[in-house]
Amino acid sequence: MNSEFMETIATLLQERNVTVVRFNFPYMQQQQATGRRRPPDRKPKLIACWNEVINKVKMISSAPIFIGGKSMGGRIATMLESETTDKLLVSGVICIGYPFYGAGKQDNPRIEHLKTVLVPHLIIQGDRDPMGNITTVLTYPLSKLIDICWLKDGNHDLRPRKSSGLTHNQHLNKAAEVITDFVYGKQNNCA
């Protein structure tokens, strides 16, 4: 996996004693092999990939499993939870930079399945994310099991503007702290 963002988050979580398993979806593996960008696989293939990873983890660990990802990876994790017949498959879902809508497409939100989730969800979102800003997302009728941690002035990668006085590193560390609390069942201290 060649994502500096995900490598940083994984490292920060591991420093906090959270075990992290990372993987690439098949289309990402092909991108790496060929060096050419590809569109994402269709949802059934992405969900099947998630199921395969979860089943492999369950074969080697009896610890609770929390799934999640950045942007589309997180979105597919939320869909897996909402579409599976085994509602105890995972203990929770974690998303960073959830794509509530396509950039510039606020009139077409991707939230239908987020109204009826069955396990706790944590979404860490920059409040000026072009795919889910605070003003728009707060109007959505989401499940009460979804907790959104808003990071001030953060974009889709949680990066704040310099003028905010905040740093990307501060936001990444805050994300790791909030995720760790979520995994260990502690009170969310997002503020």
N, C-alpha and C. Protein backbone atom coordinates (compact mmCIF):
# COMPACT_ATOMS: atom_id res chain seq x y z
N MET A 1 0.86 -1.17 0.00
CA MET A 1 0.00 0.00 0.00
C MET A 1 0.90 1.23 0.00
N ASN A 2 0.70 2.09 -0.96
CA ASN A 2 1.56 3.26 -1.12
C ASN A 2 0.80 4.55 -0.88
N SER A 3 0.20 4.69 0.27
CA SER A 3 -0.49 5.91 0.62
C SER A 3 0.19 6.50 1.85
N GLU A 4 0.84 7.63 1.66
CA GLU A 4 1.53 8.26 2.79
C GLU A 4 0.54 8.58 3.91
N PHE A 5 -0.66 9.03 3.54
CA PHE A 5 -1.69 9.34 4.53
C PHE A 5 -2.00 8.10 5.37
N MET A 6 -2.29 6.97 4.70
CA MET A 6 -2.66 5.76 5.44
C MET A 6 -1.47 5.19 6.21
N GLU A 7 -0.27 5.32 5.67
CA GLU A 7 0.92 4.86 6.41
C GLU A 7 1.07 5.66 7.70
N THR A 8 0.86 6.96 7.62
CA THR A 8 0.97 7.81 8.82
C THR A 8 -0.09 7.45 9.84
N ILE A 9 -1.34 7.32 9.40
CA ILE A 9 -2.42 6.96 10.33
C ILE A 9 -2.15 5.59 10.96
N ALA A 10 -1.74 4.62 10.16
CA ALA A 10 -1.45 3.28 10.69
C ALA A 10 -0.34 3.34 11.74
N THR A 11 0.70 4.08 11.46
CA THR A 11 1.80 4.22 12.42
C THR A 11 1.32 4.86 13.72
N LEU A 12 0.55 5.94 13.60
CA LEU A 12 0.04 6.62 14.79
C LEU A 12 -0.87 5.70 15.61
N LEU A 13 -1.66 4.87 14.95
CA LEU A 13 -2.53 3.93 15.67
C LEU A 13 -1.71 2.82 16.33
N GLN A 14 -0.71 2.31 15.62
CA GLN A 14 0.13 1.26 16.20
C GLN A 14 0.89 1.78 17.42
N GLU A 15 1.29 3.04 17.39
CA GLU A 15 1.94 3.65 18.55
C GLU A 15 1.00 3.71 19.75
N ARG A 16 -0.30 3.64 19.49
CA ARG A 16 -1.31 3.67 20.55
C ARG A 16 -1.87 2.27 20.83
N ASN A 17 -1.15 1.25 20.41
CA ASN A 17 -1.52 -0.16 20.65
C ASN A 17 -2.80 -0.59 19.96
N VAL A 18 -3.04 -0.05 18.78
CA VAL A 18 -4.14 -0.50 17.94
C VAL A 18 -3.52 -1.26 16.78
N THR A 19 -3.88 -2.53 16.64
CA THR A 19 -3.36 -3.34 15.54
C THR A 19 -4.07 -2.92 14.26
N VAL A 20 -3.29 -2.74 13.20
CA VAL A 20 -3.83 -2.27 11.93
C VAL A 20 -3.48 -3.28 10.84
N VAL A 21 -4.48 -3.65 10.06
CA VAL A 21 -4.28 -4.49 8.88
C VAL A 21 -4.65 -3.63 7.68
N ARG A 22 -3.72 -3.49 6.74
CA ARG A 22 -4.00 -2.67 5.55
C ARG A 22 -3.96 -3.56 4.32
N PHE A 23 -4.70 -3.15 3.30
CA PHE A 23 -4.73 -3.89 2.04
C PHE A 23 -5.10 -2.95 0.92
N ASN A 24 -4.84 -3.38 -0.29
CA ASN A 24 -5.27 -2.66 -1.49
C ASN A 24 -6.42 -3.41 -2.13
N PHE A 25 -7.39 -2.67 -2.64
CA PHE A 25 -8.43 -3.29 -3.46
C PHE A 25 -7.78 -3.79 -4.75
N PRO A 26 -8.41 -4.75 -5.44
CA PRO A 26 -7.81 -5.30 -6.67
C PRO A 26 -7.44 -4.24 -7.71
N TYR A 27 -8.30 -3.24 -7.91
CA TYR A 27 -7.98 -2.23 -8.92
C TYR A 27 -6.73 -1.43 -8.54
N MET A 28 -6.51 -1.25 -7.24
CA MET A 28 -5.31 -0.55 -6.78
C MET A 28 -4.06 -1.39 -7.02
N GLN A 29 -4.19 -2.70 -6.83
CA GLN A 29 -3.07 -3.60 -7.10
C GLN A 29 -2.69 -3.54 -8.57
N GLN A 30 -3.71 -3.50 -9.45
CA GLN A 30 -3.43 -3.40 -10.88
C GLN A 30 -2.79 -2.07 -11.24
N GLN A 31 -3.22 -1.00 -10.58
CA GLN A 31 -2.60 0.31 -10.81
C GLN A 31 -1.12 0.27 -10.47
N GLN A 32 -0.80 -0.35 -9.34
CA GLN A 32 0.60 -0.44 -8.94
C GLN A 32 1.40 -1.29 -9.91
N ALA A 33 0.80 -2.37 -10.38
CA ALA A 33 1.51 -3.27 -11.29
C ALA A 33 1.74 -2.65 -12.66
N THR A 34 0.77 -1.89 -13.15
CA THR A 34 0.87 -1.35 -14.51
C THR A 34 1.33 0.10 -14.56
N GLY A 35 1.21 0.80 -13.43
CA GLY A 35 1.55 2.21 -13.41
C GLY A 35 0.50 3.10 -14.06
N ARG A 36 -0.65 2.53 -14.40
CA ARG A 36 -1.75 3.29 -15.03
C ARG A 36 -2.94 3.39 -14.08
N ARG A 37 -3.51 4.58 -14.05
CA ARG A 37 -4.70 4.78 -13.22
C ARG A 37 -5.87 3.98 -13.78
N ARG A 38 -6.67 3.46 -12.86
CA ARG A 38 -7.85 2.69 -13.23
C ARG A 38 -9.03 3.19 -12.40
N PRO A 39 -10.22 3.05 -12.94
CA PRO A 39 -11.39 3.37 -12.10
C PRO A 39 -11.56 2.28 -11.04
N PRO A 40 -12.19 2.60 -9.94
CA PRO A 40 -12.43 1.58 -8.92
C PRO A 40 -13.27 0.43 -9.46
N ASP A 41 -13.07 -0.74 -8.86
CA ASP A 41 -13.91 -1.88 -9.18
C ASP A 41 -15.35 -1.57 -8.76
N ARG A 42 -16.28 -2.36 -9.25
CA ARG A 42 -17.68 -2.20 -8.86
C ARG A 42 -17.86 -2.62 -7.40
N LYS A 43 -18.92 -2.10 -6.79
CA LYS A 43 -19.19 -2.34 -5.38
C LYS A 43 -19.15 -3.81 -4.97
N PRO A 44 -19.77 -4.75 -5.71
CA PRO A 44 -19.73 -6.15 -5.27
C PRO A 44 -18.30 -6.69 -5.14
N LYS A 45 -17.42 -6.31 -6.04
CA LYS A 45 -16.04 -6.78 -5.98
C LYS A 45 -15.30 -6.15 -4.79
N LEU A 46 -15.57 -4.88 -4.52
CA LEU A 46 -14.95 -4.21 -3.39
C LEU A 46 -15.43 -4.81 -2.06
N ILE A 47 -16.72 -5.09 -1.97
CA ILE A 47 -17.26 -5.70 -0.76
C ILE A 47 -16.72 -7.12 -0.58
N ALA A 48 -16.61 -7.86 -1.66
CA ALA A 48 -16.04 -9.21 -1.59
C ALA A 48 -14.60 -9.16 -1.08
N CYS A 49 -13.85 -8.17 -1.52
CA CYS A 49 -12.47 -8.01 -1.06
C CYS A 49 -12.45 -7.75 0.44
N TRP A 50 -13.32 -6.86 0.91
CA TRP A 50 -13.41 -6.59 2.34
C TRP A 50 -13.73 -7.87 3.12
N ASN A 51 -14.72 -8.64 2.64
CA ASN A 51 -15.09 -9.88 3.32
C ASN A 51 -13.91 -10.85 3.40
N GLU A 52 -13.15 -10.93 2.33
CA GLU A 52 -11.99 -11.82 2.30
C GLU A 52 -10.96 -11.41 3.37
N VAL A 53 -10.71 -10.12 3.46
CA VAL A 53 -9.75 -9.63 4.46
C VAL A 53 -10.27 -9.91 5.87
N ILE A 54 -11.53 -9.62 6.13
CA ILE A 54 -12.10 -9.86 7.46
C ILE A 54 -12.01 -11.33 7.82
N ASN A 55 -12.35 -12.21 6.89
CA ASN A 55 -12.29 -13.65 7.17
C ASN A 55 -10.87 -14.10 7.47
N LYS A 56 -9.89 -13.56 6.78
CA LYS A 56 -8.48 -13.90 7.06
C LYS A 56 -8.08 -13.43 8.45
N VAL A 57 -8.49 -12.24 8.82
CA VAL A 57 -8.16 -11.71 10.15
C VAL A 57 -8.83 -12.56 11.22
N LYS A 58 -10.09 -12.95 11.01
CA LYS A 58 -10.81 -13.76 12.00
C LYS A 58 -10.16 -15.14 12.19
N MET A 59 -9.46 -15.63 11.17
CA MET A 59 -8.78 -16.93 11.30
C MET A 59 -7.57 -16.84 12.23
N ILE A 60 -7.00 -15.65 12.40
CA ILE A 60 -5.80 -15.54 13.22
C ILE A 60 -6.01 -14.74 14.51
N SER A 61 -7.19 -14.16 14.68
CA SER A 61 -7.43 -13.34 15.87
C SER A 61 -8.89 -13.42 16.30
N SER A 62 -9.08 -13.45 17.61
CA SER A 62 -10.45 -13.42 18.14
C SER A 62 -10.79 -12.03 18.69
N ALA A 63 -9.89 -11.08 18.51
CA ALA A 63 -10.12 -9.72 18.98
C ALA A 63 -11.25 -9.07 18.19
N PRO A 64 -11.93 -8.11 18.79
CA PRO A 64 -12.96 -7.38 18.04
C PRO A 64 -12.36 -6.74 16.79
N ILE A 65 -13.13 -6.72 15.72
CA ILE A 65 -12.65 -6.16 14.46
C ILE A 65 -13.42 -4.88 14.15
N PHE A 66 -12.66 -3.84 13.90
CA PHE A 66 -13.19 -2.56 13.44
C PHE A 66 -12.67 -2.38 12.02
N ILE A 67 -13.56 -2.07 11.10
CA ILE A 67 -13.12 -1.87 9.72
C ILE A 67 -13.27 -0.40 9.36
N GLY A 68 -12.57 -0.01 8.33
CA GLY A 68 -12.70 1.37 7.90
C GLY A 68 -11.70 1.71 6.83
N GLY A 69 -11.63 2.97 6.54
CA GLY A 69 -10.70 3.42 5.52
C GLY A 69 -10.86 4.90 5.26
N LYS A 70 -10.10 5.33 4.29
CA LYS A 70 -10.09 6.73 3.87
C LYS A 70 -10.96 6.87 2.64
N SER A 71 -11.88 7.80 2.65
CA SER A 71 -12.70 8.13 1.50
C SER A 71 -13.48 6.91 1.00
N MET A 72 -13.24 6.47 -0.23
CA MET A 72 -14.00 5.37 -0.80
C MET A 72 -13.84 4.08 0.01
N GLY A 73 -12.64 3.83 0.54
CA GLY A 73 -12.44 2.63 1.36
C GLY A 73 -13.34 2.63 2.58
N GLY A 74 -13.51 3.79 3.19
CA GLY A 74 -14.42 3.91 4.32
C GLY A 74 -15.87 3.76 3.90
N ARG A 75 -16.19 4.32 2.76
CA ARG A 75 -17.56 4.22 2.25
C ARG A 75 -17.93 2.75 2.00
N ILE A 76 -17.02 2.00 1.39
CA ILE A 76 -17.29 0.59 1.13
C ILE A 76 -17.41 -0.17 2.46
N ALA A 77 -16.62 0.20 3.46
CA ALA A 77 -16.73 -0.43 4.78
C ALA A 77 -18.12 -0.20 5.36
N THR A 78 -18.68 1.00 5.20
CA THR A 78 -20.03 1.26 5.72
C THR A 78 -21.06 0.45 4.95
N MET A 79 -20.84 0.27 3.67
CA MET A 79 -21.78 -0.51 2.86
C MET A 79 -21.71 -1.99 3.22
N LEU A 80 -20.53 -2.49 3.50
CA LEU A 80 -20.38 -3.89 3.91
C LEU A 80 -21.21 -4.14 5.16
N GLU A 81 -21.08 -3.26 6.14
CA GLU A 81 -21.82 -3.43 7.38
C GLU A 81 -23.32 -3.39 7.13
N SER A 82 -23.77 -2.53 6.24
CA SER A 82 -25.21 -2.38 6.03
C SER A 82 -25.79 -3.49 5.17
N GLU A 83 -24.96 -4.19 4.40
CA GLU A 83 -25.47 -5.20 3.47
C GLU A 83 -25.24 -6.64 3.92
N THR A 84 -24.46 -6.84 4.96
CA THR A 84 -24.14 -8.20 5.36
C THR A 84 -25.31 -8.82 6.14
N THR A 85 -25.43 -10.13 6.07
CA THR A 85 -26.46 -10.81 6.85
C THR A 85 -25.93 -11.16 8.23
N ASP A 86 -24.61 -11.17 8.41
CA ASP A 86 -23.99 -11.44 9.70
C ASP A 86 -23.73 -10.10 10.39
N LYS A 87 -24.69 -9.66 11.20
CA LYS A 87 -24.60 -8.33 11.79
C LYS A 87 -23.53 -8.24 12.88
N LEU A 88 -22.95 -9.35 13.29
CA LEU A 88 -21.88 -9.32 14.27
C LEU A 88 -20.52 -9.47 13.61
N LEU A 89 -20.46 -9.26 12.31
CA LEU A 89 -19.22 -9.40 11.56
C LEU A 89 -18.14 -8.47 12.09
N VAL A 90 -18.51 -7.25 12.41
CA VAL A 90 -17.54 -6.27 12.91
C VAL A 90 -18.12 -5.55 14.12
N SER A 91 -17.22 -5.00 14.93
CA SER A 91 -17.65 -4.27 16.13
C SER A 91 -17.91 -2.80 15.86
N GLY A 92 -17.35 -2.29 14.78
CA GLY A 92 -17.54 -0.89 14.45
C GLY A 92 -16.89 -0.54 13.13
N VAL A 93 -17.21 0.64 12.64
CA VAL A 93 -16.70 1.12 11.35
C VAL A 93 -16.09 2.50 11.57
N ILE A 94 -14.92 2.72 10.97
CA ILE A 94 -14.20 3.98 11.10
C ILE A 94 -13.91 4.53 9.71
N CYS A 95 -14.30 5.77 9.48
CA CYS A 95 -14.07 6.41 8.18
C CYS A 95 -13.32 7.71 8.39
N ILE A 96 -12.37 7.96 7.53
CA ILE A 96 -11.66 9.23 7.52
C ILE A 96 -11.94 9.89 6.18
N GLY A 97 -12.48 11.08 6.22
CA GLY A 97 -12.82 11.77 4.97
C GLY A 97 -13.90 11.03 4.20
N TYR A 98 -15.04 10.81 4.84
CA TYR A 98 -16.13 10.08 4.18
C TYR A 98 -16.67 10.91 3.00
N PRO A 99 -16.82 10.30 1.83
CA PRO A 99 -17.36 11.03 0.67
C PRO A 99 -18.89 11.06 0.70
N PHE A 100 -19.44 11.97 1.48
CA PHE A 100 -20.90 12.07 1.59
C PHE A 100 -21.54 12.37 0.25
N TYR A 101 -20.82 13.04 -0.62
CA TYR A 101 -21.28 13.35 -1.98
C TYR A 101 -20.05 13.60 -2.83
N GLY A 102 -20.22 13.49 -4.14
CA GLY A 102 -19.12 13.81 -5.04
C GLY A 102 -18.80 15.29 -4.96
N ALA A 103 -17.58 15.66 -5.26
CA ALA A 103 -17.18 17.07 -5.20
C ALA A 103 -18.13 17.91 -6.05
N GLY A 104 -18.73 18.91 -5.43
CA GLY A 104 -19.65 19.79 -6.14
C GLY A 104 -21.04 19.20 -6.35
N LYS A 105 -21.32 18.05 -5.76
CA LYS A 105 -22.62 17.38 -5.98
C LYS A 105 -23.37 17.21 -4.66
N GLN A 106 -23.50 18.27 -3.92
CA GLN A 106 -24.17 18.22 -2.63
C GLN A 106 -25.63 17.81 -2.73
N ASP A 107 -26.22 17.98 -3.90
CA ASP A 107 -27.63 17.62 -4.09
C ASP A 107 -27.83 16.12 -4.26
N ASN A 108 -26.75 15.35 -4.33
CA ASN A 108 -26.85 13.92 -4.54
C ASN A 108 -26.05 13.17 -3.46
N PRO A 109 -26.53 13.23 -2.19
CA PRO A 109 -25.77 12.60 -1.11
C PRO A 109 -25.80 11.07 -1.18
N ARG A 110 -24.72 10.47 -0.67
CA ARG A 110 -24.57 9.01 -0.63
C ARG A 110 -24.78 8.56 0.82
N ILE A 111 -25.99 8.69 1.30
CA ILE A 111 -26.21 8.47 2.73
C ILE A 111 -27.33 7.48 3.06
N GLU A 112 -28.02 6.96 2.08
CA GLU A 112 -29.20 6.14 2.37
C GLU A 112 -28.88 5.03 3.38
N HIS A 113 -27.79 4.31 3.16
CA HIS A 113 -27.43 3.21 4.05
C HIS A 113 -26.94 3.70 5.43
N LEU A 114 -26.60 4.97 5.54
CA LEU A 114 -26.12 5.51 6.81
C LEU A 114 -27.27 5.86 7.76
N LYS A 115 -28.48 5.68 7.30
CA LYS A 115 -29.64 5.96 8.16
C LYS A 115 -29.97 4.78 9.06
N THR A 116 -29.49 3.59 8.70
CA THR A 116 -29.91 2.37 9.40
C THR A 116 -28.74 1.48 9.81
N VAL A 117 -27.59 2.03 10.13
CA VAL A 117 -26.45 1.20 10.51
C VAL A 117 -26.75 0.48 11.82
N LEU A 118 -26.09 -0.67 12.02
CA LEU A 118 -26.38 -1.51 13.19
C LEU A 118 -25.23 -1.58 14.19
N VAL A 119 -24.07 -1.09 13.81
CA VAL A 119 -22.93 -1.04 14.74
C VAL A 119 -22.43 0.40 14.80
N PRO A 120 -21.72 0.76 15.86
CA PRO A 120 -21.21 2.13 15.95
C PRO A 120 -20.28 2.48 14.78
N HIS A 121 -20.42 3.70 14.32
CA HIS A 121 -19.57 4.24 13.25
C HIS A 121 -18.91 5.52 13.76
N LEU A 122 -17.65 5.68 13.43
CA LEU A 122 -16.92 6.92 13.71
C LEU A 122 -16.47 7.48 12.37
N ILE A 123 -16.84 8.72 12.12
CA ILE A 123 -16.39 9.40 10.91
C ILE A 123 -15.56 10.60 11.35
N ILE A 124 -14.34 10.68 10.84
CA ILE A 124 -13.48 11.82 11.11
C ILE A 124 -13.43 12.64 9.85
N GLN A 125 -13.86 13.88 9.95
CA GLN A 125 -14.11 14.69 8.76
C GLN A 125 -13.57 16.10 8.95
N GLY A 126 -12.90 16.61 7.93
CA GLY A 126 -12.52 18.01 7.93
C GLY A 126 -13.77 18.85 7.73
N ASP A 127 -13.92 19.94 8.47
CA ASP A 127 -15.18 20.68 8.38
C ASP A 127 -15.35 21.45 7.07
N ARG A 128 -14.30 21.50 6.25
CA ARG A 128 -14.45 22.12 4.92
C ARG A 128 -14.16 21.10 3.80
N ASP A 129 -14.36 19.83 4.10
CA ASP A 129 -14.17 18.76 3.11
C ASP A 129 -15.11 19.01 1.92
N PRO A 130 -14.58 19.06 0.70
CA PRO A 130 -15.44 19.31 -0.46
C PRO A 130 -16.38 18.14 -0.78
N MET A 131 -16.22 17.01 -0.08
CA MET A 131 -17.13 15.88 -0.27
C MET A 131 -17.95 15.61 0.99
N GLY A 132 -18.03 16.62 1.84
CA GLY A 132 -18.83 16.48 3.06
C GLY A 132 -18.48 17.54 4.07
N ASN A 133 -18.86 18.78 3.81
CA ASN A 133 -18.54 19.85 4.75
C ASN A 133 -19.56 19.88 5.89
N ILE A 134 -19.19 20.52 6.96
CA ILE A 134 -20.00 20.50 8.18
C ILE A 134 -21.39 21.09 7.97
N THR A 135 -21.49 22.18 7.23
CA THR A 135 -22.78 22.84 7.02
C THR A 135 -23.78 21.91 6.34
N THR A 136 -23.32 21.19 5.34
CA THR A 136 -24.21 20.30 4.59
C THR A 136 -24.49 19.01 5.36
N VAL A 137 -23.46 18.38 5.88
CA VAL A 137 -23.63 17.07 6.52
C VAL A 137 -24.51 17.14 7.76
N LEU A 138 -24.44 18.22 8.50
CA LEU A 138 -25.28 18.33 9.70
C LEU A 138 -26.77 18.35 9.38
N THR A 139 -27.15 18.55 8.13
CA THR A 139 -28.57 18.52 7.75
C THR A 139 -29.05 17.10 7.42
N TYR A 140 -28.13 16.13 7.34
CA TYR A 140 -28.50 14.77 6.93
C TYR A 140 -29.08 13.97 8.10
N PRO A 141 -30.11 13.16 7.83
CA PRO A 141 -30.71 12.32 8.86
C PRO A 141 -29.94 11.01 9.03
N LEU A 142 -28.80 11.07 9.70
CA LEU A 142 -27.95 9.89 9.87
C LEU A 142 -28.34 9.13 11.13
N SER A 143 -27.98 7.85 11.17
CA SER A 143 -28.24 7.01 12.34
C SER A 143 -27.61 7.62 13.59
N LYS A 144 -28.24 7.39 14.72
CA LYS A 144 -27.69 7.85 16.00
C LYS A 144 -26.43 7.08 16.37
N LEU A 145 -26.16 5.97 15.68
CA LEU A 145 -24.94 5.20 15.94
C LEU A 145 -23.72 5.78 15.23
N ILE A 146 -23.92 6.86 14.50
CA ILE A 146 -22.81 7.50 13.79
C ILE A 146 -22.36 8.73 14.57
N ASP A 147 -21.08 8.73 14.90
CA ASP A 147 -20.48 9.87 15.59
C ASP A 147 -19.50 10.52 14.62
N ILE A 148 -19.66 11.81 14.39
CA ILE A 148 -18.75 12.52 13.48
C ILE A 148 -17.85 13.43 14.30
N CYS A 149 -16.57 13.27 14.10
CA CYS A 149 -15.56 14.13 14.72
C CYS A 149 -15.13 15.14 13.67
N TRP A 150 -15.48 16.39 13.87
CA TRP A 150 -15.15 17.45 12.91
C TRP A 150 -13.81 18.08 13.28
N LEU A 151 -12.90 18.10 12.32
CA LEU A 151 -11.60 18.73 12.54
C LEU A 151 -11.59 20.10 11.89
N LYS A 152 -11.35 21.10 12.70
CA LYS A 152 -11.46 22.50 12.28
C LYS A 152 -10.57 22.81 11.08
N ASP A 153 -11.20 23.37 10.06
CA ASP A 153 -10.55 23.85 8.85
C ASP A 153 -9.91 22.73 8.01
N GLY A 154 -10.21 21.48 8.33
CA GLY A 154 -9.62 20.37 7.58
C GLY A 154 -10.30 20.15 6.24
N ASN A 155 -9.51 19.73 5.25
CA ASN A 155 -10.06 19.37 3.94
C ASN A 155 -10.30 17.86 3.88
N HIS A 156 -10.38 17.29 2.70
CA HIS A 156 -10.67 15.86 2.56
C HIS A 156 -9.55 14.99 3.13
N ASP A 157 -8.34 15.53 3.18
CA ASP A 157 -7.20 14.83 3.78
C ASP A 157 -6.92 15.32 5.20
N LEU A 158 -7.87 16.04 5.77
CA LEU A 158 -7.79 16.62 7.11
C LEU A 158 -6.76 17.74 7.20
N ARG A 159 -6.27 18.20 6.08
CA ARG A 159 -5.23 19.24 6.06
C ARG A 159 -5.88 20.62 6.24
N PRO A 160 -5.48 21.35 7.30
CA PRO A 160 -6.00 22.71 7.48
C PRO A 160 -5.15 23.71 6.69
N ARG A 161 -5.73 24.87 6.46
CA ARG A 161 -4.97 25.95 5.83
C ARG A 161 -3.98 26.53 6.86
N LYS A 162 -2.86 27.03 6.38
CA LYS A 162 -1.86 27.62 7.29
C LYS A 162 -2.46 28.75 8.11
N SER A 163 -3.36 29.50 7.49
CA SER A 163 -3.96 30.65 8.18
C SER A 163 -4.79 30.24 9.40
N SER A 164 -5.14 28.95 9.51
CA SER A 164 -5.94 28.48 10.65
C SER A 164 -5.12 28.40 11.93
N GLY A 165 -3.80 28.34 11.78
CA GLY A 165 -2.94 28.16 12.95
C GLY A 165 -2.82 26.71 13.38
N LEU A 166 -3.49 25.81 12.65
CA LEU A 166 -3.43 24.38 12.93
C LEU A 166 -2.50 23.71 11.92
N THR A 167 -2.07 22.50 12.25
CA THR A 167 -1.20 21.77 11.32
C THR A 167 -1.83 20.43 10.93
N HIS A 168 -1.39 19.91 9.81
CA HIS A 168 -1.85 18.60 9.37
C HIS A 168 -1.46 17.55 10.41
N ASN A 169 -0.26 17.65 10.94
CA ASN A 169 0.20 16.70 11.94
C ASN A 169 -0.70 16.71 13.18
N GLN A 170 -1.14 17.88 13.60
CA GLN A 170 -2.06 17.96 14.74
C GLN A 170 -3.36 17.22 14.43
N HIS A 171 -3.89 17.42 13.23
CA HIS A 171 -5.14 16.76 12.86
C HIS A 171 -4.96 15.25 12.74
N LEU A 172 -3.85 14.79 12.20
CA LEU A 172 -3.62 13.35 12.08
C LEU A 172 -3.49 12.71 13.47
N ASN A 173 -2.79 13.38 14.37
CA ASN A 173 -2.67 12.87 15.73
C ASN A 173 -4.02 12.87 16.44
N LYS A 174 -4.81 13.90 16.22
CA LYS A 174 -6.15 13.95 16.83
C LYS A 174 -7.01 12.81 16.28
N ALA A 175 -6.92 12.57 14.97
CA ALA A 175 -7.67 11.46 14.37
C ALA A 175 -7.26 10.14 15.02
N ALA A 176 -5.97 9.91 15.18
CA ALA A 176 -5.49 8.67 15.79
C ALA A 176 -5.97 8.55 17.24
N GLU A 177 -5.96 9.64 17.95
CA GLU A 177 -6.43 9.64 19.34
C GLU A 177 -7.91 9.29 19.42
N VAL A 178 -8.71 9.90 18.57
CA VAL A 178 -10.16 9.65 18.58
C VAL A 178 -10.47 8.22 18.14
N ILE A 179 -9.75 7.72 17.13
CA ILE A 179 -9.95 6.34 16.69
C ILE A 179 -9.59 5.37 17.81
N THR A 180 -8.48 5.61 18.49
CA THR A 180 -8.06 4.75 19.59
C THR A 180 -9.13 4.72 20.69
N ASP A 181 -9.64 5.88 21.05
CA ASP A 181 -10.71 5.93 22.06
C ASP A 181 -11.94 5.14 21.60
N PHE A 182 -12.30 5.26 20.34
CA PHE A 182 -13.45 4.55 19.78
C PHE A 182 -13.24 3.04 19.87
N VAL A 183 -12.07 2.57 19.46
CA VAL A 183 -11.76 1.14 19.47
C VAL A 183 -11.79 0.58 20.90
N TYR A 184 -11.27 1.35 21.84
CA TYR A 184 -11.20 0.89 23.23
C TYR A 184 -12.43 1.26 24.04
N GLY A 185 -13.46 1.79 23.38
CA GLY A 185 -14.73 2.06 24.04
C GLY A 185 -14.71 3.23 25.00
N LYS A 186 -13.78 4.15 24.80
CA LYS A 186 -13.70 5.33 25.67
C LYS A 186 -14.55 6.45 25.10
N GLN A 187 -14.86 7.40 25.95
CA GLN A 187 -15.63 8.58 25.54
C GLN A 187 -14.89 9.31 24.43
N ASN A 188 -15.60 9.67 23.38
CA ASN A 188 -15.01 10.42 22.27
C ASN A 188 -14.69 11.83 22.73
N ASN A 189 -13.42 12.18 22.61
CA ASN A 189 -12.98 13.52 22.99
C ASN A 189 -12.52 14.24 21.74
N CYS A 190 -13.45 14.57 20.88
CA CYS A 190 -13.11 15.16 19.59
C CYS A 190 -12.79 16.64 19.68
N ALA A 191 -13.38 17.32 20.62
CA ALA A 191 -13.22 18.78 20.70
C ALA A 191 -11.79 19.20 20.93
